[in-house]
Amino acid sequence: MPTLLLVRHGRTAANATGQLAGWTPGVGLDDTGREHARALGERLRGLPVVLAAVSPLQRCQETADELYAAAAWSDARRVTADDLGECHYGAWTGRPLAELATEELWRTVQDHPSRARFPDSPEHRAESIADMAHRAVAAVRRLDRLVEAEQGPDALWVAVSHGDVIKAIVADAAGTHLDHFQRFMAGPASVSVIRYTAARPFVIRTNDSGGDLSGLVPTRSADETPRGDAAVGGGTA
């Protein structure tokens, strides 16, 4: 099946100052974030990406703008995917992380996130981490099937999203309980790579922020196992 590149948006002023931006409007990339997104686009140049599904939030849309320009993806379709949007943090939205860390819910978010639901707010929608994970995983699996149907099993596509969303998707692909999703990292402008198959997902890279990405283009080898099976002994790669 296709290869999915999960890209976290570039740095924002909220990231730099330790604010939980959530769905706060008007949170775009800062100068460092734009620079890192452009650098990632250069690393992605030459990869035959067929689709980019992008969170509707400004920081992800701006990251996608930089990727398309730097990677020269003139033929790659671009869609906005609401289900790849940030977790709805409710009353936590816009608050300093240092302040949130003093609240009782913080420990649940860290140690048992599958039980965590963010507090309601008149201004900001709230959801649970489990609900966020469910919608995000369902979205990428649905899009992956669509890409395969339209472009074939060797296609590459990109999802531009947010840290907690990406961590939840990677945890699901790794077969890890949501309570352990905090063990994964997804830094600004990083890439995590998943290949879904009929048998199981393969987690190819996580939190990659440098180096050559050309090896992500699927290749056929003489000792290739049936599609979706893992190579005994580790394979040739």
C-alpha atoms as a PDB file:
ATOM      1  CA  MET A   1       0.000   0.000   0.000  1.00  0.00           C
ATOM      2  CA  PRO A   2       1.054   3.648  -0.265  1.00  0.00           C
ATOM      3  CA  THR A   3       3.612   5.349   1.938  1.00  0.00           C
ATOM      4  CA  LEU A   4       2.380   8.124   4.244  1.00  0.00           C
ATOM      5  CA  LEU A   5       4.649  10.983   5.310  1.00  0.00           C
ATOM      6  CA  LEU A   6       3.296  12.627   8.462  1.00  0.00           C
ATOM      7  CA  VAL A   7       4.626  16.188   8.631  1.00  0.00           C
ATOM      8  CA  ARG A   8       4.213  18.341  11.702  1.00  0.00           C
ATOM      9  CA  HIS A   9       3.804  22.049  11.023  1.00  0.00           C
ATOM     10  CA  GLY A  10       6.780  24.361  11.458  1.00  0.00           C
ATOM     11  CA  ARG A  11       7.414  26.331  14.634  1.00  0.00           C
ATOM     12  CA  THR A  12       5.029  29.057  15.740  1.00  0.00           C
ATOM     13  CA  ALA A  13       5.363  31.846  18.282  1.00  0.00           C
ATOM     14  CA  ALA A  14       3.113  29.765  20.556  1.00  0.00           C
ATOM     15  CA  ASN A  15       5.579  26.860  20.345  1.00  0.00           C
ATOM     16  CA  ALA A  16       8.470  29.185  21.119  1.00  0.00           C
ATOM     17  CA  THR A  17       6.778  30.720  24.170  1.00  0.00           C
ATOM     18  CA  GLY A  18       5.180  27.549  25.555  1.00  0.00           C
ATOM     19  CA  GLN A  19       1.531  28.298  24.803  1.00  0.00           C
ATOM     20  CA  LEU A  20      -1.034  25.602  23.957  1.00  0.00           C
ATOM     21  CA  ALA A  21      -2.382  27.081  20.726  1.00  0.00           C
ATOM     22  CA  GLY A  22      -5.031  24.480  19.955  1.00  0.00           C
ATOM     23  CA  TRP A  23      -7.616  25.914  17.560  1.00  0.00           C
ATOM     24  CA  THR A  24      -6.809  29.542  18.379  1.00  0.00           C
ATOM     25  CA  PRO A  25      -7.198  31.449  15.095  1.00  0.00           C
ATOM     26  CA  GLY A  26      -4.332  33.403  13.584  1.00  0.00           C
ATOM     27  CA  VAL A  27      -1.478  31.208  14.825  1.00  0.00           C
ATOM     28  CA  GLY A  28       0.944  31.074  11.903  1.00  0.00           C
ATOM     29  CA  LEU A  29       4.565  30.132  11.432  1.00  0.00           C
ATOM     30  CA  ASP A  30       7.290  32.341  12.845  1.00  0.00           C
ATOM     31  CA  ASP A  31      10.459  33.050  10.859  1.00  0.00           C
ATOM     32  CA  THR A  32      12.156  29.928  12.206  1.00  0.00           C
ATOM     33  CA  GLY A  33       9.109  27.838  11.354  1.00  0.00           C
ATOM     34  CA  ARG A  34       9.087  29.078   7.770  1.00  0.00           C
ATOM     35  CA  GLU A  35      12.798  28.384   7.436  1.00  0.00           C
ATOM     36  CA  HIS A  36      12.410  24.836   8.756  1.00  0.00           C
ATOM     37  CA  ALA A  37       9.396  24.165   6.517  1.00  0.00           C
ATOM     38  CA  ARG A  38      11.339  25.354   3.473  1.00  0.00           C
ATOM     39  CA  ALA A  39      14.282  23.151   4.457  1.00  0.00           C
ATOM     40  CA  LEU A  40      11.949  20.165   4.741  1.00  0.00           C
ATOM     41  CA  GLY A  41      10.536  20.989   1.324  1.00  0.00           C
ATOM     42  CA  GLU A  42      14.047  20.849  -0.111  1.00  0.00           C
ATOM     43  CA  ARG A  43      14.518  17.405   1.448  1.00  0.00           C
ATOM     44  CA  LEU A  44      11.240  16.267  -0.114  1.00  0.00           C
ATOM     45  CA  ARG A  45      12.106  17.593  -3.562  1.00  0.00           C
ATOM     46  CA  GLY A  46      12.187  14.787  -6.082  1.00  0.00           C
ATOM     47  CA  LEU A  47       9.820  12.502  -4.180  1.00  0.00           C
ATOM     48  CA  PRO A  48       6.779  11.635  -6.349  1.00  0.00           C
ATOM     49  CA  VAL A  49       4.183  12.876  -3.864  1.00  0.00           C
ATOM     50  CA  VAL A  50       0.651  12.592  -5.271  1.00  0.00           C
ATOM     51  CA  LEU A  51      -1.411  14.156  -2.474  1.00  0.00           C
ATOM     52  CA  ALA A  52      -1.068  16.437   0.530  1.00  0.00           C
ATOM     53  CA  ALA A  53      -3.893  16.357   3.079  1.00  0.00           C
ATOM     54  CA  VAL A  54      -3.584  19.398   5.324  1.00  0.00           C
ATOM     55  CA  SER A  55      -5.107  20.402   8.660  1.00  0.00           C
ATOM     56  CA  PRO A  56      -7.295  23.495   8.252  1.00  0.00           C
ATOM     57  CA  LEU A  57      -5.332  25.466  10.846  1.00  0.00           C
ATOM     58  CA  GLN A  58      -3.195  28.350   9.615  1.00  0.00           C
ATOM     59  CA  ARG A  59       0.137  26.962  10.766  1.00  0.00           C
ATOM     60  CA  CYS A  60      -0.389  23.752   8.788  1.00  0.00           C
ATOM     61  CA  GLN A  61      -1.649  25.560   5.700  1.00  0.00           C
ATOM     62  CA  GLU A  62       1.428  27.818   5.768  1.00  0.00           C
ATOM     63  CA  THR A  63       3.682  24.792   6.205  1.00  0.00           C
ATOM     64  CA  ALA A  64       2.067  23.187   3.162  1.00  0.00           C
ATOM     65  CA  ASP A  65       2.609  26.415   1.192  1.00  0.00           C
ATOM     66  CA  GLU A  66       6.328  26.260   1.951  1.00  0.00           C
ATOM     67  CA  LEU A  67       6.526  22.547   1.110  1.00  0.00           C
ATOM     68  CA  TYR A  68       4.802  22.970  -2.230  1.00  0.00           C
ATOM     69  CA  ALA A  69       7.079  25.853  -3.194  1.00  0.00           C
ATOM     70  CA  ALA A  70      10.362  24.272  -2.063  1.00  0.00           C
ATOM     71  CA  ALA A  71       9.586  20.731  -3.225  1.00  0.00           C
ATOM     72  CA  ALA A  72       8.070  21.903  -6.535  1.00  0.00           C
ATOM     73  CA  TRP A  73       4.976  19.720  -6.152  1.00  0.00           C
ATOM     74  CA  SER A  74       3.201  21.163  -9.166  1.00  0.00           C
ATOM     75  CA  ASP A  75       1.276  17.939  -9.833  1.00  0.00           C
ATOM     76  CA  ALA A  76       0.415  16.959  -6.258  1.00  0.00           C
ATOM     77  CA  ARG A  77      -3.223  17.350  -5.308  1.00  0.00           C
ATOM     78  CA  ARG A  78      -3.886  19.337  -2.128  1.00  0.00           C
ATOM     79  CA  VAL A  79      -6.915  18.930   0.129  1.00  0.00           C
ATOM     80  CA  THR A  80      -7.906  20.323   3.509  1.00  0.00           C
ATOM     81  CA  ALA A  81      -8.737  17.558   5.985  1.00  0.00           C
ATOM     82  CA  ASP A  82     -10.641  18.723   9.064  1.00  0.00           C
ATOM     83  CA  ASP A  83     -10.078  15.395  10.831  1.00  0.00           C
ATOM     84  CA  LEU A  84      -6.316  16.063  10.781  1.00  0.00           C
ATOM     85  CA  GLY A  85      -6.875  19.247  12.780  1.00  0.00           C
ATOM     86  CA  GLU A  86      -5.439  19.793  16.233  1.00  0.00           C
ATOM     87  CA  CYS A  87      -6.988  18.260  19.321  1.00  0.00           C
ATOM     88  CA  HIS A  88      -9.802  20.421  20.700  1.00  0.00           C
ATOM     89  CA  TYR A  89      -8.354  21.434  24.049  1.00  0.00           C
ATOM     90  CA  GLY A  90     -11.391  23.331  25.335  1.00  0.00           C
ATOM     91  CA  ALA A  91     -10.611  25.559  28.326  1.00  0.00           C
ATOM     92  CA  TRP A  92      -6.908  24.704  28.038  1.00  0.00           C
ATOM     93  CA  THR A  93      -6.683  26.509  24.693  1.00  0.00           C
ATOM     94  CA  GLY A  94      -4.269  29.437  24.639  1.00  0.00           C
ATOM     95  CA  ARG A  95      -2.916  28.871  28.140  1.00  0.00           C
ATOM     96  CA  PRO A  96       0.774  28.511  29.114  1.00  0.00           C
ATOM     97  CA  LEU A  97       1.985  24.921  29.380  1.00  0.00           C
ATOM     98  CA  ALA A  98       3.790  25.735  32.629  1.00  0.00           C
ATOM     99  CA  GLU A  99       0.465  26.758  34.153  1.00  0.00           C
ATOM    100  CA  LEU A 100      -1.374  23.719  32.794  1.00  0.00           C
ATOM    101  CA  ALA A 101       1.283  21.430  34.279  1.00  0.00           C
ATOM    102  CA  THR A 102       0.052  22.362  37.766  1.00  0.00           C
ATOM    103  CA  GLU A 103      -3.466  21.054  37.114  1.00  0.00           C
ATOM    104  CA  GLU A 104      -4.652  17.591  38.135  1.00  0.00           C
ATOM    105  CA  LEU A 105      -5.669  16.713  34.563  1.00  0.00           C
ATOM    106  CA  TRP A 106      -2.061  17.172  33.438  1.00  0.00           C
ATOM    107  CA  ARG A 107      -0.992  13.907  35.073  1.00  0.00           C
ATOM    108  CA  THR A 108      -3.820  12.057  33.359  1.00  0.00           C
ATOM    109  CA  VAL A 109      -2.757  13.509  30.011  1.00  0.00           C
ATOM    110  CA  GLN A 110       0.801  12.356  30.666  1.00  0.00           C
ATOM    111  CA  ASP A 111       0.213   8.932  32.238  1.00  0.00           C
ATOM    112  CA  HIS A 112      -3.249   7.784  31.095  1.00  0.00           C
ATOM    113  CA  PRO A 113      -4.143   9.909  28.061  1.00  0.00           C
ATOM    114  CA  SER A 114      -6.837   7.466  26.939  1.00  0.00           C
ATOM    115  CA  ARG A 115      -8.843   8.669  29.963  1.00  0.00           C
ATOM    116  CA  ALA A 116      -8.234  12.381  29.419  1.00  0.00           C
ATOM    117  CA  ARG A 117     -10.984  14.705  28.259  1.00  0.00           C
ATOM    118  CA  PHE A 118     -10.291  18.406  28.128  1.00  0.00           C
ATOM    119  CA  PRO A 119     -12.570  20.780  30.058  1.00  0.00           C
ATOM    120  CA  ASP A 120     -15.422  22.523  28.274  1.00  0.00           C
ATOM    121  CA  SER A 121     -15.239  26.190  27.410  1.00  0.00           C
ATOM    122  CA  PRO A 122     -17.759  28.661  25.936  1.00  0.00           C
ATOM    123  CA  GLU A 123     -15.118  29.819  23.456  1.00  0.00           C
ATOM    124  CA  HIS A 124     -13.408  26.566  22.484  1.00  0.00           C
ATOM    125  CA  ARG A 125     -14.702  23.100  21.697  1.00  0.00           C
ATOM    126  CA  ALA A 126     -13.404  20.278  23.912  1.00  0.00           C
ATOM    127  CA  GLU A 127     -12.798  16.617  23.117  1.00  0.00           C
ATOM    128  CA  SER A 128     -11.001  13.648  24.595  1.00  0.00           C
ATOM    129  CA  ILE A 129      -7.600  12.466  23.417  1.00  0.00           C
ATOM    130  CA  ALA A 130      -9.249   9.160  22.503  1.00  0.00           C
ATOM    131  CA  ASP A 131     -11.769  10.937  20.259  1.00  0.00           C
ATOM    132  CA  MET A 132      -8.969  12.911  18.616  1.00  0.00           C
ATOM    133  CA  ALA A 133      -6.991   9.729  17.996  1.00  0.00           C
ATOM    134  CA  HIS A 134     -10.020   7.918  16.580  1.00  0.00           C
ATOM    135  CA  ARG A 135     -10.861  10.622  14.045  1.00  0.00           C
ATOM    136  CA  ALA A 136      -7.247  11.120  12.977  1.00  0.00           C
ATOM    137  CA  VAL A 137      -6.464   7.425  12.536  1.00  0.00           C
ATOM    138  CA  ALA A 138      -9.716   6.884  10.653  1.00  0.00           C
ATOM    139  CA  ALA A 139      -8.884   9.833   8.390  1.00  0.00           C
ATOM    140  CA  VAL A 140      -5.407   8.672   7.384  1.00  0.00           C
ATOM    141  CA  ARG A 141      -6.514   5.087   6.833  1.00  0.00           C
ATOM    142  CA  ARG A 142      -9.421   6.298   4.671  1.00  0.00           C
ATOM    143  CA  LEU A 143      -7.169   8.618   2.669  1.00  0.00           C
ATOM    144  CA  ASP A 144      -4.558   5.893   2.288  1.00  0.00           C
ATOM    145  CA  ARG A 145      -7.141   3.572   0.729  1.00  0.00           C
ATOM    146  CA  LEU A 146      -8.222   6.368  -1.594  1.00  0.00           C
ATOM    147  CA  VAL A 147      -4.639   7.053  -2.677  1.00  0.00           C
ATOM    148  CA  GLU A 148      -4.064   3.374  -3.380  1.00  0.00           C
ATOM    149  CA  ALA A 149      -7.255   3.106  -5.417  1.00  0.00           C
ATOM    150  CA  GLU A 150      -6.381   6.165  -7.504  1.00  0.00           C
ATOM    151  CA  GLN A 151      -2.573   6.029  -7.689  1.00  0.00           C
ATOM    152  CA  GLY A 152      -1.562   2.439  -6.949  1.00  0.00           C
ATOM    153  CA  PRO A 153       0.202   0.664  -4.080  1.00  0.00           C
ATOM    154  CA  ASP A 154       3.558   2.415  -4.498  1.00  0.00           C
ATOM    155  CA  ALA A 155       2.246   5.983  -4.211  1.00  0.00           C
ATOM    156  CA  LEU A 156       3.588   8.511  -1.692  1.00  0.00           C
ATOM    157  CA  TRP A 157       1.371  11.029   0.039  1.00  0.00           C
ATOM    158  CA  VAL A 158       1.717  13.610   2.805  1.00  0.00           C
ATOM    159  CA  ALA A 159      -0.418  14.609   5.785  1.00  0.00           C
ATOM    160  CA  VAL A 160       0.430  17.957   7.402  1.00  0.00           C
ATOM    161  CA  SER A 161      -0.854  17.977  10.963  1.00  0.00           C
ATOM    162  CA  HIS A 162      -0.047  18.547  14.647  1.00  0.00           C
ATOM    163  CA  GLY A 163       2.132  16.956  17.303  1.00  0.00           C
ATOM    164  CA  ASP A 164      -0.479  15.118  19.366  1.00  0.00           C
ATOM    165  CA  VAL A 165      -2.355  14.042  16.240  1.00  0.00           C
ATOM    166  CA  ILE A 166       0.783  12.596  14.650  1.00  0.00           C
ATOM    167  CA  LYS A 167       1.811  10.852  17.870  1.00  0.00           C
ATOM    168  CA  ALA A 168      -1.614   9.211  18.078  1.00  0.00           C
ATOM    169  CA  ILE A 169      -1.400   8.004  14.465  1.00  0.00           C
ATOM    170  CA  VAL A 170       2.104   6.612  14.982  1.00  0.00           C
ATOM    171  CA  ALA A 171       1.081   4.878  18.212  1.00  0.00           C
ATOM    172  CA  ASP A 172      -1.815   3.203  16.430  1.00  0.00           C
ATOM    173  CA  ALA A 173       0.435   2.072  13.575  1.00  0.00           C
ATOM    174  CA  ALA A 174       2.953   0.677  16.057  1.00  0.00           C
ATOM    175  CA  GLY A 175       0.227  -1.319  17.803  1.00  0.00           C
ATOM    176  CA  THR A 176       0.778   0.689  20.970  1.00  0.00           C
ATOM    177  CA  HIS A 177      -2.008   1.516  23.419  1.00  0.00           C
ATOM    178  CA  LEU A 178      -2.979   5.172  23.409  1.00  0.00           C
ATOM    179  CA  ASP A 179      -1.773   5.401  27.016  1.00  0.00           C
ATOM    180  CA  HIS A 180       1.756   5.113  25.620  1.00  0.00           C
ATOM    181  CA  PHE A 181       1.470   7.694  22.830  1.00  0.00           C
ATOM    182  CA  GLN A 182       3.494  10.193  24.858  1.00  0.00           C
ATOM    183  CA  ARG A 183       6.522   7.934  24.288  1.00  0.00           C
ATOM    184  CA  PHE A 184       6.624   9.168  20.697  1.00  0.00           C
ATOM    185  CA  MET A 185       7.881  12.582  19.601  1.00  0.00           C
ATOM    186  CA  ALA A 186       6.975  14.785  16.650  1.00  0.00           C
ATOM    187  CA  GLY A 187       8.997  17.979  16.590  1.00  0.00           C
ATOM    188  CA  PRO A 188       8.168  21.001  14.435  1.00  0.00           C
ATOM    189  CA  ALA A 189       8.746  20.321  10.713  1.00  0.00           C
ATOM    190  CA  SER A 190       9.595  16.676  11.432  1.00  0.00           C
ATOM    191  CA  VAL A 191       8.581  13.678   9.314  1.00  0.00           C
ATOM    192  CA  SER A 192       7.192  10.366  10.543  1.00  0.00           C
ATOM    193  CA  VAL A 193       6.605   7.662   7.950  1.00  0.00           C
ATOM    194  CA  ILE A 194       4.052   4.845   7.909  1.00  0.00           C
ATOM    195  CA  ARG A 195       3.249   2.227   5.311  1.00  0.00           C
ATOM    196  CA  TYR A 196      -0.135   0.553   5.752  1.00  0.00           C
ATOM    197  CA  THR A 197      -0.619  -2.954   4.363  1.00  0.00           C
ATOM    198  CA  ALA A 198      -3.400  -5.528   4.472  1.00  0.00           C
ATOM    199  CA  ALA A 199      -1.490  -7.457   7.143  1.00  0.00           C
ATOM    200  CA  ARG A 200      -0.222  -4.626   9.345  1.00  0.00           C
ATOM    201  CA  PRO A 201       1.140  -1.075   9.309  1.00  0.00           C
ATOM    202  CA  PHE A 202       4.911  -0.559   9.233  1.00  0.00           C
ATOM    203  CA  VAL A 203       6.444   2.387  11.095  1.00  0.00           C
ATOM    204  CA  ILE A 204       9.396   3.350   8.906  1.00  0.00           C
ATOM    205  CA  ARG A 205      10.584   6.570  10.566  1.00  0.00           C
ATOM    206  CA  THR A 206       9.584   8.780  13.463  1.00  0.00           C
ATOM    207  CA  ASN A 207      10.441  12.404  14.255  1.00  0.00           C
ATOM    208  CA  ASP A 208      12.948  12.622  11.385  1.00  0.00           C
ATOM    209  CA  SER A 209      14.313  16.159  11.107  1.00  0.00           C
ATOM    210  CA  GLY A 210      17.328  15.733   8.826  1.00  0.00           C
ATOM    211  CA  GLY A 211      18.985  13.586   6.215  1.00  0.00           C
ATOM    212  CA  ASP A 212      18.118  11.981   2.923  1.00  0.00           C
ATOM    213  CA  LEU A 213      14.500  11.003   2.255  1.00  0.00           C
ATOM    214  CA  SER A 214      15.004   9.503  -1.211  1.00  0.00           C
ATOM    215  CA  GLY A 215      14.894   5.990   0.238  1.00  0.00           C
ATOM    216  CA  LEU A 216      11.183   6.427   0.924  1.00  0.00           C
ATOM    217  CA  VAL A 217      10.402   5.743  -2.731  1.00  0.00           C
ATOM    218  CA  PRO A 218       9.260   2.090  -2.772  1.00  0.00           C
ATOM    219  CA  THR A 219      11.545  -0.276  -4.690  1.00  0.00           C
ATOM    220  CA  ARG A 220      11.223  -3.929  -5.620  1.00  0.00           C
ATOM    221  CA  SER A 221      13.923  -6.402  -4.639  1.00  0.00           C
ATOM    222  CA  ALA A 222      14.649  -9.988  -5.605  1.00  0.00           C
ATOM    223  CA  ASP A 223      13.950 -11.253  -2.084  1.00  0.00           C
ATOM    224  CA  GLU A 224      10.727  -9.317  -1.614  1.00  0.00           C
ATOM    225  CA  THR A 225       8.268 -11.037   0.706  1.00  0.00           C
ATOM    226  CA  PRO A 226       4.526 -11.116   0.017  1.00  0.00           C
ATOM    227  CA  ARG A 227       3.082  -7.617   0.302  1.00  0.00           C
ATOM    228  CA  GLY A 228       2.418  -6.798   3.944  1.00  0.00           C
ATOM    229  CA  ASP A 229       4.684  -9.511   5.364  1.00  0.00           C
ATOM    230  CA  ALA A 230       7.838  -8.629   7.305  1.00  0.00           C
ATOM    231  CA  ALA A 231      11.195  -9.981   6.135  1.00  0.00           C
ATOM    232  CA  VAL A 232      12.608 -12.687   8.403  1.00  0.00           C
ATOM    233  CA  GLY A 233      16.102 -11.701   9.500  1.00  0.00           C
ATOM    234  CA  GLY A 234      15.491  -8.027   8.787  1.00  0.00           C
ATOM    235  CA  GLY A 235      15.646  -8.027   4.980  1.00  0.00           C
ATOM    236  CA  THR A 236      18.105  -6.212   2.742  1.00  0.00           C
ATOM    237  CA  ALA A 237      17.240  -2.622   3.676  1.00  0.00           C
END
